[in-house]
N, C-alpha and C. Protein backbone atom coordinates (compact mmCIF):
# COMPACT_ATOMS: atom_id res chain seq x y z
N UNK A 1 24.70 -64.90 -13.83
CA UNK A 1 23.97 -64.45 -14.75
C UNK A 1 22.48 -65.14 -14.27
N UNK A 2 21.57 -63.83 -14.15
CA UNK A 2 19.86 -64.13 -13.79
C UNK A 2 19.56 -65.09 -14.14
N UNK A 3 18.99 -66.15 -13.65
CA UNK A 3 18.06 -67.35 -14.21
C UNK A 3 16.89 -66.96 -14.94
N UNK A 4 16.55 -65.91 -14.72
CA UNK A 4 15.10 -65.28 -15.46
C UNK A 4 15.50 -64.96 -16.55
N UNK A 5 16.55 -64.13 -17.04
CA UNK A 5 17.26 -63.84 -18.08
C UNK A 5 17.88 -64.73 -19.11
N UNK A 6 17.84 -66.33 -18.66
CA UNK A 6 18.83 -67.12 -19.00
C UNK A 6 17.82 -68.48 -19.87
N UNK A 7 17.48 -68.38 -20.67
CA UNK A 7 16.17 -69.32 -21.33
C UNK A 7 17.15 -70.54 -21.54
N UNK A 8 16.54 -71.68 -21.22
CA UNK A 8 17.30 -73.06 -21.08
C UNK A 8 16.98 -73.46 -22.62
N UNK A 9 17.71 -73.34 -23.39
CA UNK A 9 17.48 -73.50 -25.17
C UNK A 9 18.75 -74.94 -25.54
N UNK A 10 19.33 -75.41 -24.76
CA UNK A 10 20.23 -76.33 -24.55
C UNK A 10 19.44 -77.82 -25.06
N UNK A 11 19.56 -78.17 -26.33
CA UNK A 11 18.97 -79.85 -26.23
C UNK A 11 20.35 -80.80 -26.46
N UNK A 12 21.51 -80.34 -26.94
CA UNK A 12 22.21 -81.35 -26.84
C UNK A 12 23.78 -80.74 -26.29
N UNK A 13 24.68 -81.51 -25.73
CA UNK A 13 26.10 -81.31 -25.34
C UNK A 13 27.38 -81.61 -26.38
N UNK A 14 28.09 -81.09 -26.74
CA UNK A 14 29.19 -81.59 -27.19
C UNK A 14 30.35 -81.81 -26.38
N UNK A 15 31.02 -83.50 -26.32
CA UNK A 15 31.89 -83.77 -25.68
C UNK A 15 33.59 -83.43 -26.58
N UNK A 16 34.22 -82.86 -25.99
CA UNK A 16 35.30 -82.34 -26.74
C UNK A 16 36.32 -83.86 -26.81
N UNK A 17 35.84 -84.67 -25.55
CA UNK A 17 36.95 -86.23 -25.82
C UNK A 17 37.92 -85.88 -24.91
N UNK A 18 38.97 -87.04 -25.57
CA UNK A 18 40.35 -87.12 -24.95
C UNK A 18 41.32 -86.60 -26.09
N UNK A 19 40.80 -86.25 -27.31
CA UNK A 19 42.13 -85.73 -28.13
C UNK A 19 41.03 -85.41 -29.39
N UNK A 20 41.71 -84.48 -30.37
CA UNK A 20 41.04 -84.02 -31.62
C UNK A 20 41.70 -84.57 -32.43
N UNK A 21 43.05 -85.14 -32.45
CA UNK A 21 43.79 -86.02 -33.05
C UNK A 21 43.08 -87.12 -33.69
N UNK A 22 42.69 -87.11 -35.50
CA UNK A 22 41.90 -88.65 -35.64
C UNK A 22 43.01 -89.80 -35.67
N UNK A 23 44.01 -89.74 -35.71
CA UNK A 23 44.72 -90.77 -36.06
C UNK A 23 45.24 -91.53 -34.38
N UNK A 24 45.20 -90.64 -33.24
CA UNK A 24 45.35 -90.69 -31.94
C UNK A 24 43.90 -91.30 -31.69
N UNK A 25 42.91 -91.13 -32.19
CA UNK A 25 41.43 -91.42 -31.83
C UNK A 25 41.43 -92.92 -31.84
N UNK A 26 41.85 -93.05 -33.00
CA UNK A 26 41.80 -94.57 -33.76
C UNK A 26 42.77 -95.46 -32.83
N UNK A 27 43.73 -95.09 -32.47
CA UNK A 27 44.47 -95.84 -31.15
C UNK A 27 43.86 -96.14 -30.00
N UNK A 28 43.25 -94.70 -29.70
CA UNK A 28 42.72 -94.77 -28.16
C UNK A 28 41.52 -95.65 -28.57
N UNK A 29 40.44 -95.83 -29.73
CA UNK A 29 39.68 -96.91 -29.86
C UNK A 29 39.88 -98.12 -29.51
N UNK A 30 40.75 -98.74 -30.08
CA UNK A 30 41.36 -99.87 -29.97
C UNK A 30 41.91 -100.15 -28.39
N UNK A 31 42.46 -99.21 -27.66
CA UNK A 31 43.18 -99.59 -26.26
C UNK A 31 41.57 -99.77 -25.14
N UNK A 32 40.86 -98.56 -25.44
CA UNK A 32 39.62 -98.51 -24.53
C UNK A 32 38.80 -99.64 -24.83
N UNK A 33 38.70 -100.30 -26.13
CA UNK A 33 38.16 -101.25 -26.46
C UNK A 33 38.19 -102.86 -25.77
N UNK A 34 39.87 -102.89 -25.64
CA UNK A 34 40.30 -103.94 -25.27
C UNK A 34 40.11 -103.98 -23.70
N UNK A 35 40.14 -102.78 -23.19
CA UNK A 35 40.28 -102.43 -21.52
C UNK A 35 38.68 -102.82 -21.13
N UNK A 36 37.30 -102.20 -22.00
CA UNK A 36 36.54 -102.44 -21.85
C UNK A 36 35.98 -104.04 -21.87
N UNK A 37 36.49 -104.60 -23.29
CA UNK A 37 35.82 -106.33 -23.30
C UNK A 37 36.56 -106.89 -21.98
N UNK A 38 37.82 -106.69 -21.44
CA UNK A 38 38.58 -107.18 -20.78
C UNK A 38 37.81 -107.10 -19.46
N UNK A 39 37.42 -105.91 -19.15
CA UNK A 39 36.72 -105.75 -17.68
C UNK A 39 35.55 -106.19 -17.52
N UNK A 40 34.52 -106.39 -18.61
CA UNK A 40 33.10 -107.12 -18.82
C UNK A 40 33.42 -108.67 -18.73
N UNK A 41 34.52 -109.02 -19.46
CA UNK A 41 34.63 -110.83 -19.49
C UNK A 41 35.25 -111.01 -17.89
N UNK A 42 36.49 -109.87 -17.53
CA UNK A 42 36.51 -110.45 -16.10
C UNK A 42 35.62 -110.38 -14.82
N UNK A 43 34.69 -109.49 -15.23
CA UNK A 43 33.60 -109.68 -14.18
C UNK A 43 32.52 -111.00 -14.30
N UNK A 44 32.21 -110.99 -15.83
CA UNK A 44 31.21 -112.39 -16.16
C UNK A 44 32.01 -113.72 -15.48
N UNK A 45 33.06 -113.44 -15.52
CA UNK A 45 34.17 -114.89 -15.21
C UNK A 45 34.10 -114.90 -13.48
N UNK A 46 34.04 -113.60 -12.85
CA UNK A 46 33.24 -113.78 -11.48
C UNK A 46 31.77 -114.15 -10.75
N UNK A 47 31.32 -113.50 -11.80
CA UNK A 47 29.86 -113.41 -11.52
C UNK A 47 29.12 -114.83 -11.71
N UNK A 48 29.45 -115.59 -13.21
CA UNK A 48 28.96 -116.63 -13.33
C UNK A 48 29.30 -117.81 -12.81
N UNK A 49 30.38 -118.16 -12.35
CA UNK A 49 30.93 -119.87 -11.64
C UNK A 49 30.20 -119.23 -10.30
N UNK A 50 30.56 -118.17 -9.48
CA UNK A 50 30.13 -118.16 -8.25
C UNK A 50 28.73 -118.30 -8.36
N UNK A 51 27.92 -118.03 -9.31
CA UNK A 51 26.20 -117.77 -9.17
C UNK A 51 25.84 -119.50 -9.17
N UNK A 52 26.47 -120.11 -10.72
CA UNK A 52 26.04 -121.54 -10.41
C UNK A 52 27.22 -122.45 -9.48
N UNK A 53 27.53 -122.22 -8.61
CA UNK A 53 28.49 -123.08 -7.58
C UNK A 53 28.19 -123.00 -6.45
N UNK A 54 27.69 -124.26 -6.03
CA UNK A 54 26.63 -124.30 -4.49
C UNK A 54 27.78 -124.02 -3.69
N UNK A 55 29.21 -124.17 -3.44
CA UNK A 55 30.62 -124.38 -2.76
C UNK A 55 30.70 -123.02 -2.24
N UNK A 56 30.21 -122.37 -3.01
CA UNK A 56 30.83 -120.53 -3.15
C UNK A 56 29.32 -120.00 -2.56
N UNK A 57 29.24 -120.14 -1.06
CA UNK A 57 28.01 -119.55 -0.79
C UNK A 57 28.35 -118.86 0.14
N UNK A 58 29.62 -118.15 0.78
CA UNK A 58 30.08 -117.84 1.59
C UNK A 58 29.47 -116.08 1.37
N UNK A 59 29.55 -115.41 2.16
CA UNK A 59 29.09 -113.85 2.33
C UNK A 59 30.08 -113.38 1.42
N UNK A 60 31.41 -113.74 1.67
CA UNK A 60 32.20 -112.91 0.80
C UNK A 60 32.03 -113.17 -0.77
N UNK A 61 31.62 -114.18 -1.30
CA UNK A 61 31.33 -114.32 -2.60
C UNK A 61 30.19 -113.57 -3.02
N UNK A 62 28.79 -113.79 -2.38
CA UNK A 62 27.90 -113.44 -2.10
C UNK A 62 27.95 -111.70 -2.64
N UNK A 63 28.95 -111.26 -1.95
CA UNK A 63 29.09 -109.49 -2.05
C UNK A 63 30.17 -109.47 -3.38
N UNK A 64 31.11 -110.34 -3.54
CA UNK A 64 31.71 -109.95 -4.65
C UNK A 64 31.19 -110.20 -6.07
N UNK A 65 29.77 -111.17 -6.14
CA UNK A 65 28.91 -111.27 -7.26
C UNK A 65 28.24 -109.97 -7.91
N UNK A 66 27.61 -109.42 -6.42
CA UNK A 66 26.84 -107.83 -6.77
C UNK A 66 28.20 -106.64 -6.98
N UNK A 67 29.29 -107.08 -6.56
CA UNK A 67 30.42 -105.93 -6.80
C UNK A 67 30.64 -106.17 -8.28
N UNK A 68 30.97 -107.32 -8.93
CA UNK A 68 31.16 -107.35 -10.08
C UNK A 68 30.13 -107.11 -11.10
N UNK A 69 29.12 -107.55 -10.50
CA UNK A 69 27.82 -106.96 -11.21
C UNK A 69 27.86 -105.53 -11.47
N UNK A 70 27.96 -104.67 -10.79
CA UNK A 70 28.09 -103.55 -10.37
C UNK A 70 28.97 -102.66 -11.27
N UNK A 71 29.86 -103.09 -10.95
CA UNK A 71 31.21 -102.98 -11.97
C UNK A 71 31.15 -102.89 -13.41
N UNK A 72 30.70 -103.90 -13.60
CA UNK A 72 30.32 -104.21 -15.06
C UNK A 72 29.47 -103.32 -15.83
N UNK A 73 28.47 -102.96 -15.07
CA UNK A 73 27.40 -102.00 -15.64
C UNK A 73 28.03 -100.70 -15.53
N UNK A 74 28.76 -100.23 -14.18
CA UNK A 74 29.34 -98.81 -14.53
C UNK A 74 30.40 -98.68 -15.37
N UNK A 75 31.55 -99.72 -15.62
CA UNK A 75 32.16 -99.79 -16.57
C UNK A 75 31.55 -99.30 -18.22
N UNK A 76 30.60 -100.12 -18.51
CA UNK A 76 29.64 -99.98 -19.48
C UNK A 76 29.23 -98.71 -19.87
N UNK A 77 28.65 -97.76 -18.79
CA UNK A 77 28.24 -97.00 -18.83
C UNK A 77 28.93 -95.65 -18.92
N UNK A 78 30.13 -95.47 -18.55
CA UNK A 78 31.26 -95.02 -18.53
C UNK A 78 32.07 -95.05 -19.86
N UNK A 79 32.52 -95.90 -20.38
CA UNK A 79 33.25 -96.31 -21.63
C UNK A 79 32.49 -96.30 -22.83
N UNK A 80 31.06 -96.79 -22.83
CA UNK A 80 30.61 -97.27 -24.21
C UNK A 80 30.57 -96.21 -24.89
N UNK A 81 30.09 -94.65 -24.30
CA UNK A 81 30.01 -93.91 -25.37
C UNK A 81 31.28 -93.09 -26.11
N UNK A 82 32.43 -93.05 -24.95
CA UNK A 82 33.68 -93.18 -25.41
C UNK A 82 33.64 -93.61 -26.41
N UNK A 83 33.99 -94.88 -26.26
CA UNK A 83 34.36 -95.75 -27.39
C UNK A 83 33.78 -95.44 -28.81
N UNK A 84 32.30 -95.39 -29.04
CA UNK A 84 31.50 -95.31 -29.95
C UNK A 84 31.85 -93.78 -30.80
N UNK A 85 32.27 -92.75 -29.75
CA UNK A 85 32.80 -91.53 -30.20
C UNK A 85 34.07 -91.43 -30.83
N UNK A 86 34.89 -92.17 -30.38
CA UNK A 86 36.48 -92.80 -30.87
C UNK A 86 36.39 -93.18 -32.26
N UNK A 87 35.22 -94.10 -32.42
CA UNK A 87 35.44 -94.64 -33.61
C UNK A 87 34.47 -93.97 -34.62
N UNK A 88 33.58 -93.13 -34.32
CA UNK A 88 32.29 -92.36 -35.71
C UNK A 88 33.11 -91.11 -35.36
N UNK A 89 33.74 -90.82 -34.79
CA UNK A 89 34.07 -88.88 -34.35
C UNK A 89 32.67 -88.14 -34.04
N UNK A 90 31.78 -88.93 -33.36
CA UNK A 90 30.44 -88.26 -33.05
C UNK A 90 30.80 -87.66 -31.59
N UNK A 91 30.82 -86.64 -31.37
CA UNK A 91 30.86 -86.33 -30.24
C UNK A 91 29.76 -85.32 -29.61
N UNK A 92 28.70 -85.73 -29.92
CA UNK A 92 27.25 -84.93 -29.47
C UNK A 92 26.66 -85.96 -28.42
N UNK A 93 26.01 -85.53 -27.49
CA UNK A 93 25.16 -86.18 -26.62
C UNK A 93 23.86 -85.36 -26.41
N UNK A 94 22.64 -86.20 -26.55
CA UNK A 94 21.39 -85.12 -26.25
C UNK A 94 21.12 -85.16 -24.75
N UNK A 95 20.51 -83.84 -24.16
CA UNK A 95 20.21 -83.40 -23.02
C UNK A 95 19.72 -84.33 -22.28
N UNK A 96 18.62 -85.49 -22.86
CA UNK A 96 18.37 -86.59 -22.30
C UNK A 96 19.34 -87.70 -21.84
N UNK A 97 20.33 -87.79 -22.80
CA UNK A 97 21.31 -88.91 -22.85
C UNK A 97 21.92 -88.66 -21.87
N UNK A 98 22.39 -87.12 -21.74
CA UNK A 98 22.86 -87.11 -20.69
C UNK A 98 22.80 -87.17 -19.33
N UNK A 99 21.29 -86.84 -19.15
CA UNK A 99 20.80 -86.91 -18.00
C UNK A 99 20.55 -88.71 -17.54
N UNK A 100 20.51 -89.31 -18.69
CA UNK A 100 20.72 -90.68 -18.48
C UNK A 100 21.81 -91.30 -18.02
N UNK A 101 22.86 -90.80 -18.50
CA UNK A 101 24.05 -91.14 -18.13
C UNK A 101 24.78 -90.66 -16.97
N UNK A 102 24.03 -89.92 -16.57
CA UNK A 102 24.19 -89.08 -14.77
C UNK A 102 24.01 -90.04 -14.15
N UNK A 103 22.42 -90.34 -14.55
CA UNK A 103 21.88 -91.18 -13.48
C UNK A 103 22.39 -92.37 -13.39
N UNK A 104 22.82 -93.28 -14.32
CA UNK A 104 23.57 -94.55 -14.27
C UNK A 104 24.66 -94.61 -13.40
N UNK A 105 25.47 -93.53 -13.84
CA UNK A 105 26.98 -93.38 -13.16
C UNK A 105 26.73 -93.43 -11.84
N UNK A 106 26.02 -92.48 -11.21
CA UNK A 106 25.69 -91.97 -9.68
C UNK A 106 24.97 -93.29 -9.18
N UNK A 107 24.29 -94.03 -9.73
CA UNK A 107 23.56 -94.95 -8.78
C UNK A 107 24.50 -96.42 -8.96
N UNK A 108 25.28 -96.27 -9.86
CA UNK A 108 26.15 -97.54 -9.89
C UNK A 108 27.33 -97.01 -8.92
N UNK A 109 27.98 -95.87 -9.00
CA UNK A 109 28.80 -95.59 -8.20
C UNK A 109 28.62 -95.47 -6.61
N UNK A 110 27.58 -94.98 -6.24
CA UNK A 110 27.01 -94.87 -5.23
C UNK A 110 26.77 -96.38 -4.51
N UNK A 111 25.70 -97.16 -5.29
CA UNK A 111 25.47 -98.73 -4.78
C UNK A 111 27.18 -99.19 -4.68
N UNK A 112 28.27 -99.06 -5.61
CA UNK A 112 29.24 -99.69 -5.39
C UNK A 112 30.05 -99.31 -3.96
N UNK A 113 30.03 -97.84 -3.72
CA UNK A 113 30.77 -97.37 -2.65
C UNK A 113 30.45 -98.27 -1.34
N UNK A 114 28.79 -98.39 -1.26
CA UNK A 114 28.09 -98.52 0.01
C UNK A 114 28.47 -100.13 -0.07
N UNK A 115 28.51 -100.72 -0.98
CA UNK A 115 28.93 -102.16 -0.98
C UNK A 115 30.10 -102.43 -0.89
N UNK A 116 31.16 -101.77 -1.04
CA UNK A 116 32.51 -101.65 -0.14
C UNK A 116 32.39 -101.65 1.01
N UNK A 117 31.73 -100.70 1.57
CA UNK A 117 31.49 -100.34 2.85
C UNK A 117 31.09 -101.98 4.02
N UNK A 118 30.35 -102.64 3.03
CA UNK A 118 29.52 -103.76 3.86
C UNK A 118 30.83 -104.92 3.75
N UNK A 119 31.73 -104.67 2.54
CA UNK A 119 32.24 -105.90 2.16
C UNK A 119 33.75 -105.92 3.44
N UNK A 120 33.89 -104.12 3.71
CA UNK A 120 34.87 -104.10 4.48
C UNK A 120 34.30 -104.50 6.05
N UNK A 121 33.31 -104.51 6.29
CA UNK A 121 32.43 -105.22 7.52
C UNK A 121 32.35 -106.10 7.37
N UNK A 122 32.41 -107.20 6.27
CA UNK A 122 32.29 -108.64 6.45
C UNK A 122 33.83 -109.03 6.68
N UNK A 123 34.84 -108.25 6.32
CA UNK A 123 36.22 -108.70 6.35
C UNK A 123 36.21 -108.51 8.00
N UNK A 124 35.82 -107.35 8.54
CA UNK A 124 36.33 -107.12 10.03
C UNK A 124 35.70 -108.34 10.80
N UNK A 125 34.84 -108.47 10.60
CA UNK A 125 34.05 -109.98 11.33
C UNK A 125 34.69 -111.13 11.51
N UNK A 126 35.21 -111.17 9.86
CA UNK A 126 35.81 -112.60 9.38
C UNK A 126 37.36 -112.49 10.38
N UNK A 127 37.75 -111.32 10.39
CA UNK A 127 38.99 -111.64 10.96
C UNK A 127 38.94 -111.09 12.62
N UNK A 128 38.30 -110.14 13.02
CA UNK A 128 38.17 -110.00 14.72
C UNK A 128 37.51 -111.14 15.22
N UNK A 129 36.17 -111.76 14.66
CA UNK A 129 35.31 -112.28 15.12
C UNK A 129 35.11 -113.65 14.48
N UNK A 130 36.18 -114.58 14.11
CA UNK A 130 35.95 -115.62 13.31
C UNK A 130 34.77 -116.75 14.24
N UNK A 131 34.85 -116.92 15.39
CA UNK A 131 33.68 -117.87 15.78
C UNK A 131 32.50 -117.89 15.81
N UNK A 132 32.41 -116.16 15.57
CA UNK A 132 31.06 -115.90 15.56
C UNK A 132 30.42 -115.19 14.23
N UNK A 133 31.37 -115.61 13.18
CA UNK A 133 31.13 -115.14 11.81
C UNK A 133 29.94 -115.55 11.28
N UNK A 134 29.73 -116.93 11.10
CA UNK A 134 28.31 -116.93 10.60
C UNK A 134 27.22 -117.20 11.06
N UNK A 135 27.23 -116.83 12.48
CA UNK A 135 26.28 -116.22 13.19
C UNK A 135 25.77 -114.80 13.05
N UNK A 136 26.67 -114.03 12.98
CA UNK A 136 26.50 -112.77 12.51
C UNK A 136 26.16 -112.35 11.32
N UNK A 137 27.12 -112.80 9.97
CA UNK A 137 26.70 -112.54 8.46
C UNK A 137 26.04 -113.93 8.15
N UNK A 138 24.70 -113.73 8.43
CA UNK A 138 23.63 -114.50 7.92
C UNK A 138 23.17 -114.14 6.85
N UNK A 139 22.91 -115.01 5.86
CA UNK A 139 21.97 -114.70 4.54
C UNK A 139 21.48 -113.46 4.70
N UNK A 140 20.24 -113.67 5.61
CA UNK A 140 19.35 -112.46 5.38
C UNK A 140 20.22 -110.92 5.79
N UNK A 141 20.98 -111.07 6.45
CA UNK A 141 21.85 -109.79 6.89
C UNK A 141 22.28 -109.37 5.42
N UNK A 142 22.93 -110.26 4.72
CA UNK A 142 23.82 -110.03 3.52
C UNK A 142 23.18 -109.62 2.33
N UNK A 143 21.84 -109.93 2.41
CA UNK A 143 20.86 -109.71 1.30
C UNK A 143 20.61 -108.05 1.98
N UNK A 144 20.16 -107.73 3.03
CA UNK A 144 19.93 -106.54 3.56
C UNK A 144 20.88 -105.56 2.99
N UNK A 145 22.17 -106.09 3.44
CA UNK A 145 23.19 -105.00 3.22
C UNK A 145 22.98 -104.83 1.67
N UNK A 146 22.96 -105.31 0.55
CA UNK A 146 22.85 -105.48 -0.70
C UNK A 146 21.84 -104.58 -1.22
N UNK A 147 20.44 -104.79 -0.47
CA UNK A 147 19.42 -103.81 -0.49
C UNK A 147 19.58 -102.53 -0.11
N UNK A 148 20.36 -102.16 0.94
CA UNK A 148 20.41 -101.03 1.51
C UNK A 148 21.66 -100.47 0.36
N UNK A 149 22.42 -101.06 -0.23
CA UNK A 149 23.42 -100.71 -1.34
C UNK A 149 22.91 -100.00 -2.46
N UNK A 150 21.80 -100.88 -2.73
CA UNK A 150 21.13 -100.12 -3.96
C UNK A 150 20.12 -99.13 -3.46
N UNK A 151 19.37 -98.83 -2.59
CA UNK A 151 18.82 -97.77 -1.96
C UNK A 151 19.39 -96.69 -1.89
N UNK A 152 20.76 -96.77 -1.06
CA UNK A 152 21.53 -95.75 -1.21
C UNK A 152 22.11 -95.10 -2.47
N UNK A 153 22.48 -95.90 -3.46
CA UNK A 153 22.94 -95.65 -4.88
C UNK A 153 21.79 -94.78 -5.54
N UNK A 154 20.35 -95.34 -4.88
CA UNK A 154 19.27 -94.61 -5.96
C UNK A 154 19.00 -93.08 -5.39
N UNK A 155 19.01 -93.32 -3.85
CA UNK A 155 18.76 -91.74 -3.41
C UNK A 155 20.15 -90.90 -3.42
N UNK A 156 21.36 -91.60 -3.69
CA UNK A 156 22.44 -90.39 -4.08
C UNK A 156 22.34 -89.99 -5.38
N UNK A 157 21.71 -90.96 -6.58
CA UNK A 157 21.77 -90.33 -7.89
C UNK A 157 20.60 -89.50 -7.96
N UNK A 158 19.31 -89.89 -7.29
CA UNK A 158 17.98 -89.03 -7.00
C UNK A 158 18.68 -87.39 -6.81
N UNK A 159 19.38 -87.31 -5.88
CA UNK A 159 19.89 -85.89 -5.53
C UNK A 159 20.73 -85.63 -6.65
N UNK A 160 21.38 -86.11 -6.94
CA UNK A 160 22.11 -85.42 -8.46
C UNK A 160 21.62 -85.08 -9.44
N UNK A 161 20.24 -86.00 -9.77
CA UNK A 161 19.28 -85.90 -10.85
C UNK A 161 18.80 -84.40 -10.64
N UNK A 162 17.97 -84.35 -9.45
CA UNK A 162 17.54 -83.07 -8.81
C UNK A 162 18.25 -81.78 -9.21
N UNK A 163 19.49 -81.96 -9.21
CA UNK A 163 20.37 -80.72 -9.06
C UNK A 163 20.12 -80.69 -10.55
N UNK A 164 20.70 -81.45 -11.46
CA UNK A 164 21.13 -81.36 -12.87
C UNK A 164 19.36 -80.45 -13.40
N UNK A 165 18.63 -81.23 -13.27
CA UNK A 165 17.42 -80.64 -14.12
C UNK A 165 17.03 -79.06 -13.86
N UNK A 166 17.24 -78.92 -12.31
CA UNK A 166 17.28 -77.41 -12.27
C UNK A 166 18.20 -76.72 -12.92
N UNK A 167 19.46 -76.99 -13.38
CA UNK A 167 20.48 -76.39 -13.85
C UNK A 167 19.92 -75.61 -15.03
N UNK A 168 20.26 -74.69 -15.48
CA UNK A 168 19.78 -73.75 -16.88
C UNK A 168 21.15 -73.46 -17.76
N UNK A 169 20.77 -73.82 -19.13
CA UNK A 169 21.82 -73.59 -20.02
C UNK A 169 21.58 -72.75 -21.06
N UNK A 170 22.25 -71.85 -21.38
CA UNK A 170 21.94 -70.97 -22.83
C UNK A 170 22.87 -70.92 -23.68
N UNK A 171 22.60 -71.49 -24.74
CA UNK A 171 23.83 -71.57 -25.74
C UNK A 171 25.14 -72.12 -25.69
N UNK A 172 25.85 -72.27 -24.72
CA UNK A 172 26.85 -72.56 -24.24
C UNK A 172 26.94 -74.37 -23.83
N UNK A 173 27.14 -75.37 -24.96
CA UNK A 173 26.81 -76.79 -25.03
C UNK A 173 28.24 -77.24 -24.84
N UNK A 174 29.76 -76.65 -25.33
CA UNK A 174 30.93 -77.41 -25.24
C UNK A 174 31.39 -78.03 -23.92
N UNK A 175 31.23 -79.19 -23.53
CA UNK A 175 31.67 -79.87 -22.75
C UNK A 175 32.92 -80.61 -22.76
N UNK A 176 33.87 -79.82 -21.75
CA UNK A 176 35.37 -80.31 -21.92
C UNK A 176 35.28 -81.87 -21.46
N UNK A 177 34.97 -82.71 -21.95
CA UNK A 177 35.26 -84.33 -21.12
C UNK A 177 34.93 -84.94 -22.16
N UNK A 178 35.00 -86.33 -21.67
CA UNK A 178 34.54 -87.89 -22.57
C UNK A 178 33.52 -88.20 -22.29
N UNK A 179 32.33 -87.42 -20.87
CA UNK A 179 31.41 -88.14 -20.73
C UNK A 179 30.74 -87.03 -19.98
N UNK A 180 29.59 -87.10 -19.56
CA UNK A 180 28.75 -85.95 -18.75
C UNK A 180 28.86 -86.42 -17.47
N UNK A 181 29.37 -85.19 -17.02
CA UNK A 181 29.95 -85.08 -15.46
C UNK A 181 29.25 -83.92 -15.11
N UNK A 182 28.84 -84.19 -13.48
CA UNK A 182 28.09 -82.95 -13.18
C UNK A 182 28.85 -81.76 -12.91
N UNK A 183 30.26 -82.00 -12.93
CA UNK A 183 31.10 -80.78 -12.44
C UNK A 183 31.39 -79.98 -13.66
N UNK A 184 31.44 -80.76 -14.80
CA UNK A 184 31.93 -80.36 -15.95
C UNK A 184 30.57 -79.34 -16.48
N UNK A 185 29.37 -80.04 -16.05
CA UNK A 185 28.13 -79.24 -16.67
C UNK A 185 28.05 -77.76 -15.89
N UNK A 186 28.76 -77.95 -14.58
CA UNK A 186 28.50 -76.57 -13.59
C UNK A 186 29.27 -75.39 -14.61
N UNK A 187 30.26 -76.00 -15.24
CA UNK A 187 31.07 -74.55 -15.74
C UNK A 187 30.10 -74.05 -16.83
N UNK A 188 28.96 -74.47 -17.50
CA UNK A 188 28.22 -74.30 -18.75
C UNK A 188 27.07 -73.63 -18.35
N UNK A 189 26.56 -73.72 -17.32
CA UNK A 189 25.48 -73.53 -16.66
C UNK A 189 25.38 -72.16 -16.30
N UNK A 190 24.53 -71.16 -16.71
CA UNK A 190 24.08 -69.91 -16.16
C UNK A 190 23.61 -69.71 -15.06
N UNK A 191 23.19 -71.04 -14.06
CA UNK A 191 22.46 -70.78 -12.85
C UNK A 191 23.54 -70.62 -11.60
N UNK A 192 23.54 -69.98 -10.60
CA UNK A 192 24.31 -69.91 -9.78
C UNK A 192 24.92 -71.37 -8.87
N UNK A 193 25.90 -71.29 -9.14
CA UNK A 193 26.57 -72.81 -8.93
C UNK A 193 27.48 -72.77 -7.75
N UNK A 194 27.74 -71.60 -6.91
CA UNK A 194 28.58 -71.74 -5.50
C UNK A 194 28.15 -72.79 -4.92
N UNK A 195 26.54 -72.44 -4.13
CA UNK A 195 25.92 -73.12 -3.40
C UNK A 195 25.92 -74.62 -3.71
N UNK A 196 25.40 -74.84 -5.13
CA UNK A 196 25.36 -75.92 -5.68
C UNK A 196 26.52 -76.83 -5.85
N UNK A 197 27.53 -76.34 -6.12
CA UNK A 197 28.75 -76.97 -6.23
C UNK A 197 29.33 -77.56 -4.65
N UNK A 198 29.08 -76.86 -3.57
CA UNK A 198 29.45 -77.34 -2.20
C UNK A 198 28.19 -78.72 -2.20
N UNK A 199 26.85 -78.47 -2.36
CA UNK A 199 26.20 -79.26 -1.83
C UNK A 199 26.40 -80.93 -2.86
N UNK A 200 26.80 -80.56 -4.18
CA UNK A 200 27.33 -81.92 -4.90
C UNK A 200 28.53 -82.31 -4.66
N UNK A 201 29.43 -81.63 -3.97
CA UNK A 201 30.67 -82.34 -3.48
C UNK A 201 30.27 -82.76 -2.01
N UNK A 202 29.59 -82.35 -1.46
CA UNK A 202 29.25 -82.92 0.06
C UNK A 202 28.17 -84.05 -0.03
N UNK A 203 27.32 -84.28 -1.14
CA UNK A 203 26.22 -85.16 -1.37
C UNK A 203 27.06 -86.75 -1.28
N UNK A 204 28.11 -87.10 -2.04
CA UNK A 204 28.88 -88.43 -1.87
C UNK A 204 29.69 -88.29 -0.75
N UNK A 205 30.56 -87.38 -0.34
CA UNK A 205 30.98 -87.29 0.95
C UNK A 205 30.30 -87.86 2.22
N UNK A 206 29.26 -87.07 2.38
CA UNK A 206 28.17 -87.22 3.41
C UNK A 206 28.03 -88.73 3.74
N UNK A 207 27.41 -89.33 2.22
CA UNK A 207 26.65 -90.61 2.28
C UNK A 207 28.06 -91.46 2.46
N UNK A 208 29.21 -91.28 2.04
CA UNK A 208 30.16 -92.60 2.68
C UNK A 208 30.52 -92.35 3.97
N UNK A 209 30.29 -91.07 4.48
CA UNK A 209 30.62 -91.31 6.03
C UNK A 209 29.23 -91.70 7.03
N UNK A 210 28.19 -91.41 6.35
CA UNK A 210 27.07 -92.06 7.06
C UNK A 210 26.96 -93.40 7.15
N UNK A 211 27.07 -93.87 5.97
CA UNK A 211 27.21 -95.48 5.98
C UNK A 211 28.44 -96.14 6.27
N UNK A 212 29.46 -95.53 6.69
CA UNK A 212 30.58 -95.94 7.12
C UNK A 212 30.57 -96.10 8.68
N UNK A 213 29.84 -95.13 9.36
CA UNK A 213 29.95 -94.92 10.63
C UNK A 213 28.58 -96.03 11.21
């Protein structure tokens, strides 16, 4: 459909969620709430002891603290809306809310991927060059790798957001998903999605390949 004849008149999206069965929704609410609380608590039990224990100052613990912090936020972003919708059977999300969710999803997901690559390098040095480990994995380098992870996540999510804000929607706003996901939104837009879909898929893959090399 021609974008010029396709006005952007969608202000909210309807998330179909995991099921339409009210009884099953209550069961899923309890299940996902328990999983969410367990995940957040587990990450806090990693972050807090490491942060306040001076003996746990090795690079692996430094990376693990940031990884747990990112994982806790990522879990909150992706499951909080789902849990609320299952409880109140409210399945709508505003356009701006969808934009914020996509932004947080990708900045946390992108940062986590790069941080995991940094942790794999840390393990490589620890196993293959144990005598030079503390010389190579200095505190300054570890901090730099974490900063690079956050910058990479910001760049990644910026690209995704630029794609999203340029999508044009007209009337069709029923999203067959439990959260705002870029690929599910591509099915609703009346913009040309062929090249856009390729670029969206290539963005995270190219980012991972670049940082891994």
